[in-house]
N, C-alpha and C. Protein backbone atom coordinates (compact mmCIF):
# COMPACT_ATOMS: atom_id res chain seq x y z
N MET A 1 -28.45 -78.27 11.33
CA MET A 1 -29.32 -78.69 10.12
C MET A 1 -29.95 -77.22 9.62
N GLU A 2 -30.28 -76.25 10.33
CA GLU A 2 -30.68 -74.93 9.79
C GLU A 2 -29.61 -74.41 9.06
N ILE A 3 -28.42 -74.25 9.65
CA ILE A 3 -27.12 -73.54 8.90
C ILE A 3 -27.16 -74.70 7.62
N ARG A 4 -27.40 -75.89 7.55
CA ARG A 4 -26.90 -76.35 6.18
C ARG A 4 -28.44 -75.85 5.23
N LEU A 5 -29.37 -75.82 5.66
CA LEU A 5 -30.53 -75.37 5.20
C LEU A 5 -30.21 -73.97 4.60
N SER A 6 -29.70 -73.24 5.27
CA SER A 6 -29.79 -71.73 4.95
C SER A 6 -28.47 -71.68 3.84
N LEU A 7 -27.32 -72.37 4.10
CA LEU A 7 -26.28 -72.28 3.01
C LEU A 7 -26.80 -73.19 1.73
N GLY A 8 -27.57 -74.11 1.82
CA GLY A 8 -27.79 -74.81 0.51
C GLY A 8 -29.02 -73.92 -0.17
N LEU A 9 -29.88 -73.02 0.84
CA LEU A 9 -30.70 -72.05 -0.18
C LEU A 9 -29.67 -70.64 -0.64
N LEU A 10 -28.68 -70.33 0.30
CA LEU A 10 -27.96 -69.41 -0.34
C LEU A 10 -26.99 -69.79 -1.44
N ALA A 11 -26.54 -71.00 -1.55
CA ALA A 11 -26.08 -71.34 -2.82
C ALA A 11 -27.13 -71.47 -4.02
N LEU A 12 -28.13 -71.68 -3.84
CA LEU A 12 -28.86 -71.97 -4.74
C LEU A 12 -29.39 -70.57 -5.45
N LEU A 13 -29.46 -69.53 -4.43
CA LEU A 13 -29.80 -68.01 -4.91
C LEU A 13 -28.56 -67.37 -5.59
N GLY A 14 -27.80 -68.25 -5.12
CA GLY A 14 -26.45 -67.23 -5.86
C GLY A 14 -26.40 -68.11 -7.18
N VAL A 15 -26.48 -69.48 -7.85
CA VAL A 15 -26.51 -69.94 -8.97
C VAL A 15 -27.54 -69.17 -9.60
N MET A 16 -28.63 -69.31 -9.13
CA MET A 16 -30.04 -68.50 -10.02
C MET A 16 -29.62 -67.00 -10.49
N ALA A 17 -28.89 -66.48 -9.53
CA ALA A 17 -28.44 -65.02 -9.68
C ALA A 17 -27.27 -64.89 -10.78
N PHE A 18 -26.40 -66.02 -10.50
CA PHE A 18 -25.58 -65.68 -11.65
C PHE A 18 -26.08 -66.11 -12.93
N GLY A 19 -26.85 -67.15 -13.03
CA GLY A 19 -27.70 -67.57 -14.27
C GLY A 19 -28.60 -66.34 -15.10
N LEU A 20 -29.11 -65.60 -14.19
CA LEU A 20 -29.87 -64.65 -14.60
C LEU A 20 -28.85 -63.28 -15.24
N THR A 21 -27.96 -63.04 -14.41
CA THR A 21 -26.87 -61.90 -14.82
C THR A 21 -26.20 -62.40 -16.09
N SER A 22 -25.80 -63.53 -16.17
CA SER A 22 -24.93 -63.76 -17.41
C SER A 22 -26.07 -63.91 -18.69
N ARG A 23 -26.75 -63.83 -18.45
CA ARG A 23 -28.00 -63.70 -19.60
C ARG A 23 -28.78 -62.75 -19.96
N MET A 24 -28.27 -61.48 -19.38
CA MET A 24 -29.17 -60.47 -19.08
C MET A 24 -29.16 -59.83 -20.59
N PRO A 25 -30.39 -59.31 -21.36
CA PRO A 25 -30.22 -59.02 -22.67
C PRO A 25 -29.62 -57.66 -23.04
N GLU A 26 -28.97 -57.32 -24.31
CA GLU A 26 -28.31 -56.01 -24.47
C GLU A 26 -29.14 -55.33 -25.47
N ALA A 27 -29.28 -53.92 -25.05
CA ALA A 27 -30.21 -53.48 -26.19
C ALA A 27 -30.14 -53.90 -27.56
N VAL A 28 -29.02 -53.62 -27.74
CA VAL A 28 -28.48 -54.20 -29.41
C VAL A 28 -27.37 -55.12 -28.86
N PRO A 29 -27.59 -56.08 -29.82
CA PRO A 29 -26.37 -56.90 -29.83
C PRO A 29 -24.77 -56.33 -29.86
N ALA A 30 -23.80 -56.52 -29.14
CA ALA A 30 -22.62 -56.01 -29.85
C ALA A 30 -22.05 -56.85 -30.95
N SER A 31 -22.56 -57.59 -31.48
CA SER A 31 -22.17 -58.20 -32.83
C SER A 31 -22.35 -57.67 -34.19
N ARG A 32 -22.78 -56.34 -33.96
CA ARG A 32 -23.61 -55.37 -34.86
C ARG A 32 -22.36 -54.86 -35.94
N GLY A 33 -21.07 -54.66 -35.19
CA GLY A 33 -20.20 -54.24 -35.98
C GLY A 33 -19.27 -53.17 -35.15
N ASP A 34 -18.41 -52.58 -35.96
CA ASP A 34 -17.72 -51.36 -35.05
C ASP A 34 -18.26 -50.20 -34.47
N GLY A 35 -19.32 -49.96 -34.86
CA GLY A 35 -20.20 -49.06 -34.45
C GLY A 35 -21.00 -49.23 -32.92
N ALA A 36 -20.81 -50.35 -32.35
CA ALA A 36 -21.11 -50.30 -31.05
C ALA A 36 -20.69 -49.68 -29.96
N HIS A 37 -19.52 -49.21 -29.92
CA HIS A 37 -19.27 -48.37 -28.94
C HIS A 37 -19.42 -47.12 -29.41
N GLU A 38 -19.81 -46.28 -30.54
CA GLU A 38 -20.21 -45.15 -30.67
C GLU A 38 -21.66 -45.14 -30.49
N LEU A 39 -22.81 -46.44 -30.48
CA LEU A 39 -23.67 -46.56 -30.34
C LEU A 39 -24.14 -46.69 -28.51
N ALA A 40 -23.07 -47.29 -27.78
CA ALA A 40 -23.22 -47.15 -26.65
C ALA A 40 -22.86 -45.50 -26.09
N GLU A 41 -21.99 -44.99 -26.48
CA GLU A 41 -21.94 -43.58 -26.25
C GLU A 41 -22.95 -42.96 -26.65
N LEU A 42 -23.62 -43.23 -27.64
CA LEU A 42 -24.95 -42.27 -28.00
C LEU A 42 -25.92 -42.68 -27.09
N GLU A 43 -26.00 -43.64 -26.56
CA GLU A 43 -27.11 -44.37 -25.76
C GLU A 43 -27.14 -43.47 -24.21
N ASP A 44 -25.67 -43.80 -23.84
CA ASP A 44 -25.39 -42.77 -22.58
C ASP A 44 -25.33 -41.30 -22.41
N ALA A 45 -25.39 -40.95 -23.51
CA ALA A 45 -25.63 -39.30 -23.47
C ALA A 45 -26.76 -39.19 -23.57
N PHE A 46 -27.55 -39.78 -24.24
CA PHE A 46 -28.90 -39.56 -24.43
C PHE A 46 -29.86 -39.81 -23.25
N ALA A 47 -29.43 -40.86 -22.91
CA ALA A 47 -29.88 -41.41 -21.14
C ALA A 47 -29.64 -40.11 -19.98
N ALA A 48 -28.81 -39.53 -20.20
CA ALA A 48 -28.25 -38.18 -19.83
C ALA A 48 -29.06 -37.14 -20.14
N ALA A 49 -29.43 -36.86 -21.02
CA ALA A 49 -30.00 -35.68 -21.25
C ALA A 49 -31.21 -36.07 -22.50
N HIS A 50 -32.40 -36.45 -21.84
CA HIS A 50 -33.72 -36.65 -23.04
C HIS A 50 -34.09 -35.20 -23.33
N ASP A 51 -33.78 -34.20 -23.03
CA ASP A 51 -34.19 -32.88 -23.78
C ASP A 51 -33.28 -32.35 -24.69
N ASP A 52 -32.42 -33.37 -25.48
CA ASP A 52 -31.44 -33.22 -26.44
C ASP A 52 -32.06 -33.60 -27.71
N LEU A 53 -32.43 -32.57 -28.62
CA LEU A 53 -33.25 -33.07 -29.68
C LEU A 53 -32.24 -33.70 -30.74
N ALA A 54 -30.90 -33.11 -31.21
CA ALA A 54 -30.24 -33.81 -31.95
C ALA A 54 -29.83 -35.54 -31.56
N LEU A 55 -29.90 -35.56 -30.21
CA LEU A 55 -29.34 -36.79 -29.63
C LEU A 55 -30.28 -37.81 -30.15
N ALA A 56 -31.77 -37.49 -29.69
CA ALA A 56 -32.94 -37.90 -29.94
C ALA A 56 -32.99 -38.61 -31.54
N GLN A 57 -32.78 -37.40 -32.39
CA GLN A 57 -32.91 -37.98 -33.54
C GLN A 57 -31.93 -38.96 -34.27
N ARG A 58 -30.36 -38.73 -33.68
CA ARG A 58 -29.38 -40.02 -33.88
C ARG A 58 -29.52 -40.95 -33.68
N LEU A 59 -30.00 -41.12 -32.36
CA LEU A 59 -30.10 -42.43 -31.50
C LEU A 59 -31.56 -43.25 -32.20
N SER A 60 -32.31 -42.37 -32.44
CA SER A 60 -33.77 -43.23 -33.13
C SER A 60 -33.30 -43.68 -34.32
N ALA A 61 -32.48 -42.77 -35.02
CA ALA A 61 -32.18 -43.02 -36.62
C ALA A 61 -31.15 -44.34 -36.59
N SER A 62 -29.96 -44.09 -35.54
CA SER A 62 -29.34 -45.40 -35.48
C SER A 62 -29.91 -46.77 -35.25
N TYR A 63 -31.15 -46.61 -34.22
CA TYR A 63 -31.75 -47.97 -34.28
C TYR A 63 -32.69 -47.95 -35.36
N LEU A 64 -33.04 -47.56 -36.17
CA LEU A 64 -33.84 -47.66 -37.36
C LEU A 64 -32.91 -48.36 -38.40
N ARG A 65 -31.48 -47.81 -38.41
CA ARG A 65 -30.70 -48.41 -39.41
C ARG A 65 -30.28 -49.85 -38.65
N LEU A 66 -30.26 -50.07 -37.61
CA LEU A 66 -29.79 -51.42 -37.08
C LEU A 66 -30.72 -52.21 -37.25
N GLY A 67 -32.09 -51.91 -37.97
CA GLY A 67 -33.12 -52.90 -37.63
C GLY A 67 -33.92 -53.18 -36.35
N GLU A 68 -33.90 -52.09 -35.59
CA GLU A 68 -34.22 -52.23 -34.28
C GLU A 68 -35.45 -51.11 -33.82
N PRO A 69 -36.56 -51.23 -34.61
CA PRO A 69 -37.36 -50.01 -34.66
C PRO A 69 -38.16 -50.02 -33.12
N ALA A 70 -38.41 -50.98 -32.70
CA ALA A 70 -38.83 -50.86 -31.14
C ALA A 70 -38.05 -50.03 -30.45
N LEU A 71 -36.96 -50.12 -30.52
CA LEU A 71 -36.02 -49.25 -29.69
C LEU A 71 -36.12 -47.75 -30.23
N ALA A 72 -36.35 -47.65 -31.33
CA ALA A 72 -36.12 -46.10 -32.18
C ALA A 72 -37.69 -45.91 -31.59
N ILE A 73 -39.07 -46.43 -31.37
CA ILE A 73 -40.12 -45.77 -30.86
C ILE A 73 -39.73 -45.34 -29.35
N GLY A 74 -38.97 -46.27 -28.51
CA GLY A 74 -38.73 -46.03 -26.99
C GLY A 74 -38.34 -44.86 -27.14
N VAL A 75 -37.12 -44.36 -27.72
CA VAL A 75 -36.18 -42.90 -27.70
C VAL A 75 -37.38 -41.83 -28.07
N VAL A 76 -38.20 -42.11 -28.89
CA VAL A 76 -38.99 -41.06 -29.11
C VAL A 76 -40.24 -40.58 -27.95
N ARG A 77 -40.69 -41.93 -27.46
CA ARG A 77 -41.47 -41.69 -26.54
C ARG A 77 -40.94 -41.28 -25.09
N SER A 78 -39.78 -41.50 -25.40
CA SER A 78 -39.02 -40.94 -24.11
C SER A 78 -38.37 -39.31 -23.85
N VAL A 79 -38.29 -38.74 -24.95
CA VAL A 79 -37.92 -37.54 -24.84
C VAL A 79 -38.71 -36.41 -24.01
N THR A 80 -38.28 -35.31 -23.48
CA THR A 80 -39.07 -34.49 -22.76
C THR A 80 -40.44 -33.89 -23.77
N PRO A 81 -41.30 -33.50 -23.07
CA PRO A 81 -42.68 -33.00 -23.91
C PRO A 81 -42.45 -31.87 -25.01
N ASP A 82 -41.43 -31.05 -24.37
CA ASP A 82 -41.40 -30.28 -25.47
C ASP A 82 -40.62 -30.60 -26.68
N LEU A 83 -40.11 -31.39 -26.86
CA LEU A 83 -39.76 -32.41 -28.09
C LEU A 83 -40.35 -32.94 -28.94
N VAL A 84 -41.64 -33.36 -28.38
CA VAL A 84 -42.88 -34.14 -28.95
C VAL A 84 -42.90 -33.91 -30.17
N THR A 85 -43.04 -32.41 -30.47
CA THR A 85 -43.70 -32.01 -31.95
C THR A 85 -42.89 -31.82 -32.84
N ASP A 86 -41.32 -32.37 -32.86
CA ASP A 86 -40.52 -32.14 -34.02
C ASP A 86 -40.94 -33.06 -34.71
N PRO A 87 -40.71 -32.29 -36.27
CA PRO A 87 -41.49 -33.30 -37.28
C PRO A 87 -40.42 -34.35 -37.71
N ILE A 88 -39.11 -34.42 -37.48
CA ILE A 88 -37.98 -35.38 -37.73
C ILE A 88 -38.32 -36.50 -36.69
N LEU A 89 -38.79 -36.30 -35.50
CA LEU A 89 -38.91 -37.30 -34.48
C LEU A 89 -39.94 -38.08 -34.79
N THR A 90 -41.31 -37.37 -35.25
CA THR A 90 -42.39 -38.05 -35.46
C THR A 90 -42.14 -38.81 -36.54
N HIS A 91 -41.19 -38.24 -37.45
CA HIS A 91 -41.46 -39.02 -38.69
C HIS A 91 -40.42 -40.38 -38.14
N ARG A 92 -39.41 -40.37 -37.33
CA ARG A 92 -38.48 -41.76 -36.59
C ARG A 92 -39.90 -42.36 -36.11
N LEU A 93 -40.57 -41.81 -35.35
CA LEU A 93 -41.72 -42.82 -34.73
C LEU A 93 -42.58 -43.52 -35.97
N ALA A 94 -42.88 -42.84 -36.85
CA ALA A 94 -43.78 -43.61 -38.19
C ALA A 94 -42.89 -44.74 -38.62
N GLN A 95 -41.45 -44.48 -38.62
CA GLN A 95 -40.70 -45.36 -39.66
C GLN A 95 -40.52 -46.49 -38.42
N GLY A 96 -40.77 -46.17 -36.84
CA GLY A 96 -40.72 -47.49 -35.87
C GLY A 96 -41.85 -48.24 -35.91
N TYR A 97 -42.90 -47.48 -36.04
CA TYR A 97 -44.10 -48.29 -36.57
C TYR A 97 -44.35 -49.10 -37.47
N GLU A 98 -44.03 -48.40 -38.71
CA GLU A 98 -43.64 -49.19 -39.89
C GLU A 98 -42.84 -50.63 -39.48
N GLY A 99 -41.62 -50.75 -38.88
CA GLY A 99 -40.81 -51.34 -38.47
C GLY A 99 -41.51 -52.71 -37.74
N VAL A 100 -42.28 -52.44 -37.11
CA VAL A 100 -42.89 -53.47 -36.09
C VAL A 100 -44.13 -54.08 -36.50
N GLY A 101 -44.82 -53.24 -37.82
CA GLY A 101 -45.71 -53.85 -38.62
C GLY A 101 -47.18 -53.16 -38.10
N ARG A 102 -46.65 -52.02 -37.24
CA ARG A 102 -48.33 -51.21 -37.32
C ARG A 102 -48.36 -50.18 -37.94
N LEU A 103 -49.10 -50.59 -39.14
CA LEU A 103 -49.36 -49.70 -40.32
C LEU A 103 -50.09 -48.84 -40.16
N ASP A 104 -51.30 -48.95 -39.34
CA ASP A 104 -52.35 -47.66 -38.84
C ASP A 104 -51.70 -46.84 -38.52
N ASP A 105 -50.86 -46.82 -37.08
CA ASP A 105 -50.06 -46.19 -36.68
C ASP A 105 -49.19 -45.49 -37.37
N ALA A 106 -48.58 -46.16 -37.96
CA ALA A 106 -47.76 -45.52 -39.00
C ALA A 106 -48.11 -44.59 -39.82
N VAL A 107 -49.07 -44.90 -40.57
CA VAL A 107 -49.67 -44.20 -41.39
C VAL A 107 -50.32 -42.43 -40.80
N ALA A 108 -50.81 -42.60 -39.80
CA ALA A 108 -51.31 -41.78 -38.84
C ALA A 108 -50.19 -40.92 -38.43
N THR A 109 -49.40 -41.19 -38.31
CA THR A 109 -47.86 -40.48 -37.39
C THR A 109 -47.37 -39.93 -38.59
N ALA A 110 -47.07 -40.63 -39.52
CA ALA A 110 -46.45 -39.98 -40.90
C ALA A 110 -47.40 -38.82 -41.32
N ALA A 111 -48.58 -38.74 -41.45
CA ALA A 111 -49.48 -37.53 -41.69
C ALA A 111 -48.94 -36.26 -40.81
N VAL A 112 -49.17 -36.58 -39.32
CA VAL A 112 -48.69 -36.01 -38.43
C VAL A 112 -47.40 -35.20 -38.61
N ALA A 113 -46.37 -36.16 -39.00
CA ALA A 113 -45.09 -35.31 -39.33
C ALA A 113 -45.11 -34.72 -40.49
N HIS A 114 -45.72 -35.06 -41.54
CA HIS A 114 -46.00 -34.43 -42.80
C HIS A 114 -46.54 -33.03 -42.57
N ALA A 115 -47.48 -32.85 -41.59
CA ALA A 115 -48.35 -31.74 -41.48
C ALA A 115 -47.46 -30.85 -40.60
N ARG A 116 -46.79 -31.26 -39.82
CA ARG A 116 -45.62 -30.29 -39.04
C ARG A 116 -44.45 -29.61 -39.63
N CYS A 117 -44.14 -30.48 -40.13
CA CYS A 117 -42.69 -30.24 -41.57
C CYS A 117 -43.55 -28.96 -42.48
N LEU A 118 -44.80 -29.36 -43.00
CA LEU A 118 -45.22 -28.11 -43.73
C LEU A 118 -45.55 -26.74 -43.04
N ARG A 119 -45.73 -27.03 -41.79
CA ARG A 119 -46.01 -25.92 -40.65
C ARG A 119 -44.50 -25.07 -40.69
N ALA A 120 -43.77 -26.03 -40.43
CA ALA A 120 -42.55 -25.33 -40.56
C ALA A 120 -41.48 -24.74 -41.50
N VAL A 121 -41.82 -25.43 -42.78
CA VAL A 121 -41.49 -24.73 -43.84
C VAL A 121 -42.31 -23.68 -44.40
N GLY A 122 -43.79 -23.37 -43.98
CA GLY A 122 -44.30 -22.22 -44.12
C GLY A 122 -45.63 -22.32 -45.04
N SER A 123 -45.98 -23.68 -45.05
CA SER A 123 -47.04 -23.80 -46.21
C SER A 123 -48.60 -22.95 -45.18
N SER A 124 -49.63 -23.00 -46.30
CA SER A 124 -50.36 -22.52 -45.55
C SER A 124 -51.81 -23.41 -45.50
N ASP A 125 -51.31 -24.70 -45.86
CA ASP A 125 -51.86 -25.62 -45.46
C ASP A 125 -52.68 -25.80 -44.12
N ALA A 126 -54.42 -25.75 -44.15
CA ALA A 126 -55.04 -25.60 -42.73
C ALA A 126 -54.59 -26.67 -41.82
N LEU A 127 -54.35 -27.69 -42.30
CA LEU A 127 -54.00 -28.70 -41.16
C LEU A 127 -52.54 -28.65 -40.77
N ALA A 128 -51.95 -28.07 -41.81
CA ALA A 128 -50.68 -27.71 -41.43
C ALA A 128 -50.24 -26.38 -39.98
N ALA A 129 -51.40 -25.47 -40.17
CA ALA A 129 -51.22 -24.39 -39.67
C ALA A 129 -51.96 -24.93 -38.29
N SER A 130 -52.88 -25.85 -38.08
CA SER A 130 -53.43 -26.23 -36.76
C SER A 130 -52.19 -27.01 -35.78
N THR A 131 -50.79 -27.40 -36.39
CA THR A 131 -49.98 -27.76 -35.81
C THR A 131 -49.02 -27.13 -35.00
N PRO A 132 -48.45 -27.63 -33.80
CA PRO A 132 -47.49 -26.59 -33.23
C PRO A 132 -46.26 -26.04 -34.26
N ALA A 133 -45.87 -24.98 -33.94
CA ALA A 133 -44.69 -24.74 -34.50
C ALA A 133 -43.54 -24.79 -33.90
N GLY A 134 -42.21 -24.33 -34.16
CA GLY A 134 -41.27 -23.95 -33.29
C GLY A 134 -39.88 -24.86 -33.58
N PHE A 135 -39.90 -25.95 -34.91
CA PHE A 135 -39.02 -26.93 -35.16
C PHE A 135 -38.57 -26.50 -36.48
N ALA A 136 -37.61 -26.82 -36.76
CA ALA A 136 -36.97 -26.63 -38.52
C ALA A 136 -37.48 -27.84 -39.26
N CYS A 137 -37.67 -27.38 -40.60
CA CYS A 137 -37.95 -28.80 -41.47
C CYS A 137 -37.43 -28.13 -42.91
N SER A 138 -36.69 -28.81 -43.38
CA SER A 138 -35.96 -28.06 -44.89
C SER A 138 -37.16 -28.28 -46.00
N PRO A 139 -37.40 -28.18 -46.68
CA PRO A 139 -37.84 -28.48 -48.06
C PRO A 139 -37.57 -30.19 -48.71
N ALA A 140 -36.47 -30.36 -48.54
CA ALA A 140 -35.93 -31.80 -48.56
C ALA A 140 -36.77 -32.67 -47.81
N ALA A 141 -36.63 -32.50 -46.36
CA ALA A 141 -37.35 -33.40 -45.63
C ALA A 141 -38.40 -33.38 -45.93
N LEU A 142 -39.30 -32.23 -46.11
CA LEU A 142 -40.80 -32.25 -46.40
C LEU A 142 -41.03 -33.21 -47.39
N VAL A 143 -40.21 -33.45 -48.71
CA VAL A 143 -40.57 -34.18 -49.80
C VAL A 143 -40.04 -35.62 -49.24
N ALA A 144 -39.38 -35.89 -48.13
CA ALA A 144 -39.09 -37.39 -47.72
C ALA A 144 -40.04 -37.68 -46.94
N LEU A 145 -40.70 -36.58 -46.08
CA LEU A 145 -41.99 -37.08 -45.48
C LEU A 145 -43.07 -37.46 -46.32
N GLU A 146 -43.32 -36.73 -46.92
CA GLU A 146 -44.75 -36.93 -47.97
C GLU A 146 -44.31 -38.16 -48.75
N GLN A 147 -43.04 -38.49 -49.51
CA GLN A 147 -42.79 -39.83 -50.01
C GLN A 147 -43.17 -40.90 -49.13
N HIS A 148 -42.72 -40.76 -47.85
CA HIS A 148 -43.00 -41.65 -46.63
C HIS A 148 -44.43 -41.98 -46.51
N ALA A 149 -44.96 -40.74 -46.27
CA ALA A 149 -46.62 -40.99 -45.86
C ALA A 149 -47.22 -41.49 -46.93
N GLN A 150 -46.96 -41.44 -47.98
CA GLN A 150 -47.34 -41.72 -49.31
C GLN A 150 -47.21 -43.29 -49.19
N ALA A 151 -45.85 -43.94 -49.38
CA ALA A 151 -46.06 -45.21 -49.31
C ALA A 151 -46.63 -46.19 -48.31
N LEU A 152 -46.66 -45.38 -47.07
CA LEU A 152 -47.45 -46.19 -46.04
C LEU A 152 -48.90 -46.30 -46.45
N SER A 153 -49.26 -45.22 -47.03
CA SER A 153 -50.75 -45.06 -47.25
C SER A 153 -51.15 -46.15 -48.55
N HIS A 154 -50.41 -46.45 -49.29
CA HIS A 154 -50.30 -47.41 -50.46
C HIS A 154 -50.09 -49.02 -49.60
N MET A 155 -49.46 -48.92 -48.74
CA MET A 155 -49.05 -50.35 -47.86
C MET A 155 -50.25 -50.86 -47.46
N LEU A 156 -50.98 -49.66 -46.68
CA LEU A 156 -52.13 -49.80 -45.63
C LEU A 156 -53.36 -50.27 -46.70
N ARG A 157 -53.46 -49.55 -47.89
CA ARG A 157 -54.45 -49.70 -48.77
C ARG A 157 -54.40 -51.26 -49.27
N TRP A 158 -52.94 -51.78 -49.69
CA TRP A 158 -53.12 -52.99 -50.12
C TRP A 158 -52.78 -54.40 -49.39
N GLY A 159 -52.96 -54.05 -47.91
CA GLY A 159 -53.04 -55.12 -46.91
C GLY A 159 -51.68 -55.68 -46.90
N VAL A 160 -50.82 -54.92 -46.96
CA VAL A 160 -49.47 -55.18 -46.45
C VAL A 160 -49.48 -55.19 -44.92
N THR A 161 -48.85 -56.77 -44.27
CA THR A 161 -48.60 -56.71 -42.67
C THR A 161 -47.16 -56.88 -42.45
N ASP A 162 -46.53 -57.11 -43.43
CA ASP A 162 -45.12 -57.09 -43.15
C ASP A 162 -44.33 -56.36 -43.94
N PRO A 163 -44.10 -55.12 -43.84
CA PRO A 163 -43.36 -53.85 -44.76
C PRO A 163 -41.70 -54.51 -45.09
N ARG A 164 -41.22 -55.50 -44.17
CA ARG A 164 -39.81 -55.58 -44.14
C ARG A 164 -39.75 -56.72 -45.33
N ASN A 165 -40.55 -57.58 -45.51
CA ASN A 165 -40.72 -59.00 -46.06
C ASN A 165 -41.75 -58.76 -47.55
N ASP A 166 -42.66 -57.84 -47.54
CA ASP A 166 -43.68 -57.87 -48.54
C ASP A 166 -43.01 -57.21 -49.74
N PRO A 167 -43.25 -57.76 -50.72
CA PRO A 167 -42.87 -57.10 -51.88
C PRO A 167 -43.59 -56.00 -52.65
N ARG A 168 -44.78 -56.36 -51.97
CA ARG A 168 -45.77 -54.70 -52.28
C ARG A 168 -45.25 -53.38 -51.20
N ALA A 169 -44.14 -53.68 -50.33
CA ALA A 169 -43.96 -52.19 -49.62
C ALA A 169 -42.92 -51.90 -50.59
N ARG A 170 -42.22 -52.71 -51.14
CA ARG A 170 -41.25 -52.12 -51.97
C ARG A 170 -41.98 -51.47 -53.22
N GLN A 171 -43.13 -51.83 -53.77
CA GLN A 171 -43.65 -51.35 -55.21
C GLN A 171 -44.33 -50.03 -54.69
N ALA A 172 -44.74 -50.22 -53.12
CA ALA A 172 -45.31 -48.79 -52.59
C ALA A 172 -44.56 -47.72 -52.41
N ARG A 173 -43.17 -48.30 -51.86
CA ARG A 173 -42.26 -47.03 -51.95
C ARG A 173 -41.83 -46.22 -53.33
N ARG A 174 -41.54 -47.37 -54.39
CA ARG A 174 -41.33 -46.67 -55.66
C ARG A 174 -42.51 -46.02 -56.38
N LEU A 175 -43.52 -46.50 -55.98
CA LEU A 175 -45.03 -45.32 -56.80
C LEU A 175 -45.01 -44.42 -55.93
N ALA A 176 -44.48 -44.25 -54.79
CA ALA A 176 -44.72 -42.98 -53.94
C ALA A 176 -43.61 -42.08 -54.21
N GLU A 177 -41.94 -42.74 -54.39
CA GLU A 177 -40.82 -41.70 -55.08
C GLU A 177 -41.35 -41.24 -56.01
N ARG A 178 -42.04 -42.03 -57.11
CA ARG A 178 -42.17 -41.51 -58.46
C ARG A 178 -42.91 -40.46 -58.45
N ARG A 179 -44.38 -41.05 -57.94
CA ARG A 179 -45.23 -39.66 -57.62
C ARG A 179 -44.55 -38.30 -56.76
N VAL A 180 -43.97 -38.59 -56.00
CA VAL A 180 -43.08 -37.06 -55.38
C VAL A 180 -42.31 -36.48 -56.67
N ARG A 181 -41.76 -36.98 -57.41
CA ARG A 181 -40.87 -36.92 -58.35
C ARG A 181 -41.26 -36.12 -59.22
N ILE A 182 -42.49 -36.34 -59.54
CA ILE A 182 -43.21 -36.10 -60.71
C ILE A 182 -43.86 -34.74 -60.48
N ALA A 183 -44.40 -34.87 -59.14
CA ALA A 183 -44.78 -33.39 -58.44
C ALA A 183 -43.80 -32.26 -58.19
N SER A 184 -42.68 -32.69 -57.98
CA SER A 184 -41.34 -31.96 -57.84
C SER A 184 -40.99 -31.32 -59.19
N LEU A 185 -41.28 -32.16 -60.24
CA LEU A 185 -40.96 -31.36 -61.53
C LEU A 185 -42.07 -30.58 -61.93
N ASP A 186 -43.25 -30.77 -61.91
CA ASP A 186 -44.66 -29.85 -61.91
C ASP A 186 -44.21 -28.41 -61.29
N GLN A 187 -43.93 -28.35 -59.98
CA GLN A 187 -43.70 -27.33 -59.18
C GLN A 187 -42.45 -26.76 -59.89
N ALA A 188 -41.54 -27.31 -60.23
CA ALA A 188 -40.32 -26.65 -60.64
C ALA A 188 -40.68 -25.72 -62.03
N SER A 189 -41.53 -26.52 -62.90
CA SER A 189 -41.63 -25.97 -64.18
C SER A 189 -42.76 -24.56 -64.01
N GLU A 190 -43.61 -24.72 -62.88
CA GLU A 190 -44.18 -23.63 -62.80
C GLU A 190 -43.51 -22.41 -62.44
N THR A 191 -42.28 -22.49 -61.55
CA THR A 191 -41.37 -21.16 -61.12
C THR A 191 -40.57 -20.62 -62.39
N PHE A 192 -40.40 -21.46 -63.44
CA PHE A 192 -39.55 -20.93 -64.26
C PHE A 192 -40.35 -20.20 -65.66
């Protein structure tokens, strides 16, 4: 009797284990296209080297392109402490927050990313001067970060709760793009 009960329990556990392992979730579904193999290689490389800035930037950008902002947030949060102040990674974090609908966090994080990039570019801005240095940021990246921060501010002010589906989010992006373009033209005319 005990042997039958033990075998029955063992069989039940085996069926349950098979059911659980056959339904294990993937980080990103393989049906996303031909880039699944490259993404898996990038994930494996990053898992072995959380201190590689370029890998962290590429993997978080890949997740954002695939519409997986929570995974991008996870990448940024898992980097080694010395990489946390990189303006581009901070920007990816803001994009991830935006993608999951955490606009308050996105606005604050985008402002930090912009300030860090200002510092890296060499601005004399007081906020930028108080942020850690040590990472590169191009003037083109600075413009993109400023544009993103402005768009997020508009969205927050207008009460956007779902940036992926709210038409006001697209309007906020267009408005921020136009404002940055006008400011760039003003600066260009001052230098000539």
